[in-house]
Amino acid sequence: MKKIIFLMAVVLMSTLQANAQKPKIADKELLGTWTLEWMQYDGEKKITCGKGTSYTSFKYYGADGEYACAEIALSNDGKIKVLPHEYGTYSYKDGWYIEMGRKPARNDILVMKDNTHFHGRWMNRTEAWKKTPLSQKVVKYILDCCKSLNTPTDVQQEIKKQLF
């Protein structure tokens, strides 16, 4: 019995020490614009995104809880295409992350590496994001694209009835 208690104490101390060594990132550090550096589906090669490629994703975290996500592609003829993905709200407080009203997650869906990098996990994909300052003109355009994606409530209800 003493061995079990001793072993549990050692495990607890190790866990506490490991948690203490993780960088403490203030909740406000998530604010701003972020771009996808790479993504990797389970069992596949890492895919580089952003500079030097023709694809990236964009995330925006506003001080008032505003959240937007879009894919951005560069076509062969050099034109940019913004593909709105989501627009809504988020919360990141005391290490707990909630996006678009989904189930709260802690330390597995969004892990801050430092105040300019985070890794995220969604279903079978791991992603690395980098804080990327963008001009207000670019941010406003992408946010407007994402906002226009919002489906009216009555249409949403019809879709839910008919498809889900």
C-alpha atoms as a PDB file:
ATOM      1  CA  MET A   1       0.000   0.000   0.000  1.00  0.00           C
ATOM      2  CA  LYS A   2       2.855   2.376   0.867  1.00  0.00           C
ATOM      3  CA  LYS A   3       4.457   1.632  -2.504  1.00  0.00           C
ATOM      4  CA  ILE A   4       1.248   2.568  -4.330  1.00  0.00           C
ATOM      5  CA  ILE A   5       0.909   5.838  -2.410  1.00  0.00           C
ATOM      6  CA  PHE A   6       4.578   6.633  -3.024  1.00  0.00           C
ATOM      7  CA  LEU A   7       4.201   5.836  -6.736  1.00  0.00           C
ATOM      8  CA  MET A   8       1.100   8.045  -6.987  1.00  0.00           C
ATOM      9  CA  ALA A   9       2.962  10.896  -5.279  1.00  0.00           C
ATOM     10  CA  VAL A  10       5.867  10.574  -7.731  1.00  0.00           C
ATOM     11  CA  VAL A  11       3.480  10.611 -10.721  1.00  0.00           C
ATOM     12  CA  LEU A  12       1.653  13.651  -9.327  1.00  0.00           C
ATOM     13  CA  MET A  13       4.910  15.545  -8.730  1.00  0.00           C
ATOM     14  CA  SER A  14       6.135  14.716 -12.243  1.00  0.00           C
ATOM     15  CA  THR A  15       2.879  15.919 -13.782  1.00  0.00           C
ATOM     16  CA  LEU A  16       2.929  19.154 -11.796  1.00  0.00           C
ATOM     17  CA  GLN A  17       6.551  19.792 -12.748  1.00  0.00           C
ATOM     18  CA  ALA A  18       5.834  19.157 -16.453  1.00  0.00           C
ATOM     19  CA  ASN A  19       2.840  21.502 -16.375  1.00  0.00           C
ATOM     20  CA  ALA A  20       4.909  24.185 -14.644  1.00  0.00           C
ATOM     21  CA  GLN A  21       7.485  24.000 -17.451  1.00  0.00           C
ATOM     22  CA  LYS A  22       4.931  24.679 -20.209  1.00  0.00           C
ATOM     23  CA  PRO A  23       5.045  28.291 -21.355  1.00  0.00           C
ATOM     24  CA  LYS A  24       2.320  30.365 -19.780  1.00  0.00           C
ATOM     25  CA  ILE A  25       0.601  32.256 -22.579  1.00  0.00           C
ATOM     26  CA  ALA A  26      -1.760  35.072 -21.700  1.00  0.00           C
ATOM     27  CA  ASP A  27      -5.244  34.676 -23.148  1.00  0.00           C
ATOM     28  CA  LYS A  28      -4.833  37.980 -24.979  1.00  0.00           C
ATOM     29  CA  GLU A  29      -1.918  36.573 -27.013  1.00  0.00           C
ATOM     30  CA  LEU A  30      -4.370  34.804 -29.314  1.00  0.00           C
ATOM     31  CA  LEU A  31      -5.720  38.161 -30.556  1.00  0.00           C
ATOM     32  CA  GLY A  32      -4.909  39.101 -34.121  1.00  0.00           C
ATOM     33  CA  THR A  33      -4.411  37.435 -37.481  1.00  0.00           C
ATOM     34  CA  TRP A  34      -2.854  34.022 -38.002  1.00  0.00           C
ATOM     35  CA  THR A  35      -1.845  32.052 -41.091  1.00  0.00           C
ATOM     36  CA  LEU A  36      -1.369  28.347 -41.583  1.00  0.00           C
ATOM     37  CA  GLU A  37       2.296  27.272 -41.813  1.00  0.00           C
ATOM     38  CA  TRP A  38       1.725  23.567 -42.330  1.00  0.00           C
ATOM     39  CA  MET A  39      -0.814  20.810 -41.891  1.00  0.00           C
ATOM     40  CA  GLN A  40      -0.521  17.062 -41.644  1.00  0.00           C
ATOM     41  CA  TYR A  41      -3.194  14.412 -41.893  1.00  0.00           C
ATOM     42  CA  ASP A  42      -2.610  11.323 -39.758  1.00  0.00           C
ATOM     43  CA  GLY A  43      -0.265   8.911 -41.532  1.00  0.00           C
ATOM     44  CA  GLU A  44       0.554  11.342 -44.354  1.00  0.00           C
ATOM     45  CA  LYS A  45       3.351  13.778 -45.212  1.00  0.00           C
ATOM     46  CA  LYS A  46       3.392  17.313 -43.830  1.00  0.00           C
ATOM     47  CA  ILE A  47       2.024  19.900 -46.279  1.00  0.00           C
ATOM     48  CA  THR A  48       3.715  23.304 -46.216  1.00  0.00           C
ATOM     49  CA  CYS A  49       1.443  26.330 -46.609  1.00  0.00           C
ATOM     50  CA  GLY A  50       1.876  30.075 -46.949  1.00  0.00           C
ATOM     51  CA  LYS A  51       4.877  31.863 -48.448  1.00  0.00           C
ATOM     52  CA  GLY A  52       6.189  30.107 -51.539  1.00  0.00           C
ATOM     53  CA  THR A  53       3.061  27.983 -51.947  1.00  0.00           C
ATOM     54  CA  SER A  54      -0.323  28.588 -53.534  1.00  0.00           C
ATOM     55  CA  TYR A  55      -2.432  27.898 -50.436  1.00  0.00           C
ATOM     56  CA  THR A  56      -2.858  29.017 -46.847  1.00  0.00           C
ATOM     57  CA  SER A  57      -5.599  29.489 -44.295  1.00  0.00           C
ATOM     58  CA  PHE A  58      -6.380  32.606 -42.296  1.00  0.00           C
ATOM     59  CA  LYS A  59      -7.780  32.928 -38.787  1.00  0.00           C
ATOM     60  CA  TYR A  60      -8.823  36.105 -37.050  1.00  0.00           C
ATOM     61  CA  TYR A  61      -9.333  36.421 -33.296  1.00  0.00           C
ATOM     62  CA  GLY A  62     -10.839  39.756 -32.194  1.00  0.00           C
ATOM     63  CA  ALA A  63     -10.771  41.283 -28.719  1.00  0.00           C
ATOM     64  CA  ASP A  64     -14.558  41.138 -28.568  1.00  0.00           C
ATOM     65  CA  GLY A  65     -14.687  37.390 -29.303  1.00  0.00           C
ATOM     66  CA  GLU A  66     -15.064  37.805 -33.070  1.00  0.00           C
ATOM     67  CA  TYR A  67     -13.734  34.802 -34.995  1.00  0.00           C
ATOM     68  CA  ALA A  68     -13.257  34.247 -38.724  1.00  0.00           C
ATOM     69  CA  CYS A  69     -11.585  31.535 -40.759  1.00  0.00           C
ATOM     70  CA  ALA A  70     -10.953  31.428 -44.514  1.00  0.00           C
ATOM     71  CA  GLU A  71      -8.888  29.511 -47.013  1.00  0.00           C
ATOM     72  CA  ILE A  72      -6.817  31.581 -49.410  1.00  0.00           C
ATOM     73  CA  ALA A  73      -5.618  30.182 -52.714  1.00  0.00           C
ATOM     74  CA  LEU A  74      -3.425  31.575 -55.480  1.00  0.00           C
ATOM     75  CA  SER A  75      -4.520  30.446 -58.932  1.00  0.00           C
ATOM     76  CA  ASN A  76      -2.150  29.640 -61.798  1.00  0.00           C
ATOM     77  CA  ASP A  77      -2.951  32.994 -63.400  1.00  0.00           C
ATOM     78  CA  GLY A  78      -1.894  34.826 -60.206  1.00  0.00           C
ATOM     79  CA  LYS A  79      -5.339  35.714 -58.876  1.00  0.00           C
ATOM     80  CA  ILE A  80      -6.253  35.369 -55.210  1.00  0.00           C
ATOM     81  CA  LYS A  81      -9.375  33.469 -54.199  1.00  0.00           C
ATOM     82  CA  VAL A  82     -10.742  33.858 -50.668  1.00  0.00           C
ATOM     83  CA  LEU A  83     -12.861  30.879 -49.650  1.00  0.00           C
ATOM     84  CA  PRO A  84     -14.781  31.791 -46.475  1.00  0.00           C
ATOM     85  CA  HIS A  85     -14.941  28.928 -44.016  1.00  0.00           C
ATOM     86  CA  GLU A  86     -16.481  30.253 -40.786  1.00  0.00           C
ATOM     87  CA  TYR A  87     -17.542  33.425 -39.063  1.00  0.00           C
ATOM     88  CA  GLY A  88     -18.744  33.618 -35.476  1.00  0.00           C
ATOM     89  CA  THR A  89     -17.335  33.728 -31.975  1.00  0.00           C
ATOM     90  CA  TYR A  90     -14.540  32.199 -29.939  1.00  0.00           C
ATOM     91  CA  SER A  91     -13.316  32.189 -26.370  1.00  0.00           C
ATOM     92  CA  TYR A  92      -9.840  31.419 -25.037  1.00  0.00           C
ATOM     93  CA  LYS A  93      -9.654  31.785 -21.298  1.00  0.00           C
ATOM     94  CA  ASP A  94      -7.405  30.083 -18.761  1.00  0.00           C
ATOM     95  CA  GLY A  95      -6.277  27.576 -21.401  1.00  0.00           C
ATOM     96  CA  TRP A  96      -9.819  26.595 -22.430  1.00  0.00           C
ATOM     97  CA  TYR A  97     -10.647  27.131 -26.104  1.00  0.00           C
ATOM     98  CA  ILE A  98     -14.160  27.335 -27.564  1.00  0.00           C
ATOM     99  CA  GLU A  99     -14.843  28.120 -31.196  1.00  0.00           C
ATOM    100  CA  MET A 100     -18.206  28.585 -32.877  1.00  0.00           C
ATOM    101  CA  GLY A 101     -20.066  27.269 -29.810  1.00  0.00           C
ATOM    102  CA  ARG A 102     -18.475  23.823 -30.082  1.00  0.00           C
ATOM    103  CA  LYS A 103     -17.497  21.729 -27.093  1.00  0.00           C
ATOM    104  CA  PRO A 104     -14.766  23.409 -24.970  1.00  0.00           C
ATOM    105  CA  ALA A 105     -11.292  21.917 -25.370  1.00  0.00           C
ATOM    106  CA  ARG A 106      -8.213  22.167 -23.215  1.00  0.00           C
ATOM    107  CA  ASN A 107      -4.637  21.606 -24.353  1.00  0.00           C
ATOM    108  CA  ASP A 108      -5.465  19.262 -27.201  1.00  0.00           C
ATOM    109  CA  ILE A 109      -7.274  21.278 -29.837  1.00  0.00           C
ATOM    110  CA  LEU A 110      -5.138  24.422 -29.486  1.00  0.00           C
ATOM    111  CA  VAL A 111      -1.683  24.458 -27.896  1.00  0.00           C
ATOM    112  CA  MET A 112       0.157  27.769 -27.674  1.00  0.00           C
ATOM    113  CA  LYS A 113       3.884  27.207 -28.271  1.00  0.00           C
ATOM    114  CA  ASP A 114       4.724  30.866 -27.622  1.00  0.00           C
ATOM    115  CA  ASN A 115       2.963  34.161 -28.296  1.00  0.00           C
ATOM    116  CA  THR A 116       3.413  33.845 -32.096  1.00  0.00           C
ATOM    117  CA  HIS A 117       2.876  30.112 -32.763  1.00  0.00           C
ATOM    118  CA  PHE A 118       0.221  27.545 -31.954  1.00  0.00           C
ATOM    119  CA  HIS A 119      -0.585  24.015 -33.015  1.00  0.00           C
ATOM    120  CA  GLY A 120      -4.129  22.886 -33.516  1.00  0.00           C
ATOM    121  CA  ARG A 121      -5.795  19.532 -33.910  1.00  0.00           C
ATOM    122  CA  TRP A 122      -9.020  18.956 -35.771  1.00  0.00           C
ATOM    123  CA  MET A 123     -10.338  15.459 -36.420  1.00  0.00           C
ATOM    124  CA  ASN A 124      -7.451  13.665 -38.205  1.00  0.00           C
ATOM    125  CA  ARG A 125      -5.337  16.754 -38.972  1.00  0.00           C
ATOM    126  CA  THR A 126      -2.654  18.631 -37.051  1.00  0.00           C
ATOM    127  CA  GLU A 127      -1.947  22.235 -38.026  1.00  0.00           C
ATOM    128  CA  ALA A 128       0.726  24.833 -37.183  1.00  0.00           C
ATOM    129  CA  TRP A 129      -0.238  28.508 -37.175  1.00  0.00           C
ATOM    130  CA  LYS A 130       1.885  31.645 -37.064  1.00  0.00           C
ATOM    131  CA  LYS A 131       0.790  35.107 -35.966  1.00  0.00           C
ATOM    132  CA  THR A 132       0.974  37.216 -39.109  1.00  0.00           C
ATOM    133  CA  PRO A 133       0.391  40.966 -39.004  1.00  0.00           C
ATOM    134  CA  LEU A 134      -1.705  41.981 -42.017  1.00  0.00           C
ATOM    135  CA  SER A 135      -2.891  45.389 -43.182  1.00  0.00           C
ATOM    136  CA  GLN A 136      -6.323  46.555 -42.023  1.00  0.00           C
ATOM    137  CA  LYS A 137      -7.442  46.601 -45.669  1.00  0.00           C
ATOM    138  CA  VAL A 138      -6.639  42.894 -46.121  1.00  0.00           C
ATOM    139  CA  VAL A 139      -8.150  41.886 -42.768  1.00  0.00           C
ATOM    140  CA  LYS A 140     -11.342  43.849 -43.440  1.00  0.00           C
ATOM    141  CA  TYR A 141     -11.756  42.257 -46.879  1.00  0.00           C
ATOM    142  CA  ILE A 142     -11.314  38.704 -45.578  1.00  0.00           C
ATOM    143  CA  LEU A 143     -13.628  39.358 -42.606  1.00  0.00           C
ATOM    144  CA  ASP A 144     -16.260  40.795 -44.966  1.00  0.00           C
ATOM    145  CA  CYS A 145     -15.981  37.651 -47.134  1.00  0.00           C
ATOM    146  CA  CYS A 146     -16.486  35.476 -44.053  1.00  0.00           C
ATOM    147  CA  LYS A 147     -19.403  37.579 -42.789  1.00  0.00           C
ATOM    148  CA  SER A 148     -21.195  37.277 -46.126  1.00  0.00           C
ATOM    149  CA  LEU A 149     -21.101  33.508 -45.667  1.00  0.00           C
ATOM    150  CA  ASN A 150     -23.680  33.714 -42.862  1.00  0.00           C
ATOM    151  CA  THR A 151     -26.829  31.857 -43.813  1.00  0.00           C
ATOM    152  CA  PRO A 152     -30.133  33.417 -42.672  1.00  0.00           C
ATOM    153  CA  THR A 153     -31.656  31.686 -39.624  1.00  0.00           C
ATOM    154  CA  ASP A 154     -34.823  30.556 -41.438  1.00  0.00           C
ATOM    155  CA  VAL A 155     -32.753  28.915 -44.197  1.00  0.00           C
ATOM    156  CA  GLN A 156     -30.521  27.257 -41.596  1.00  0.00           C
ATOM    157  CA  GLN A 157     -33.604  25.756 -39.936  1.00  0.00           C
ATOM    158  CA  GLU A 158     -34.872  24.419 -43.252  1.00  0.00           C
ATOM    159  CA  ILE A 159     -31.493  22.864 -44.042  1.00  0.00           C
ATOM    160  CA  LYS A 160     -31.391  21.208 -40.610  1.00  0.00           C
ATOM    161  CA  LYS A 161     -34.882  19.775 -41.101  1.00  0.00           C
ATOM    162  CA  GLN A 162     -34.186  18.518 -44.583  1.00  0.00           C
ATOM    163  CA  LEU A 163     -30.595  17.311 -44.301  1.00  0.00           C
ATOM    164  CA  PHE A 164     -29.913  16.520 -40.666  1.00  0.00           C
END
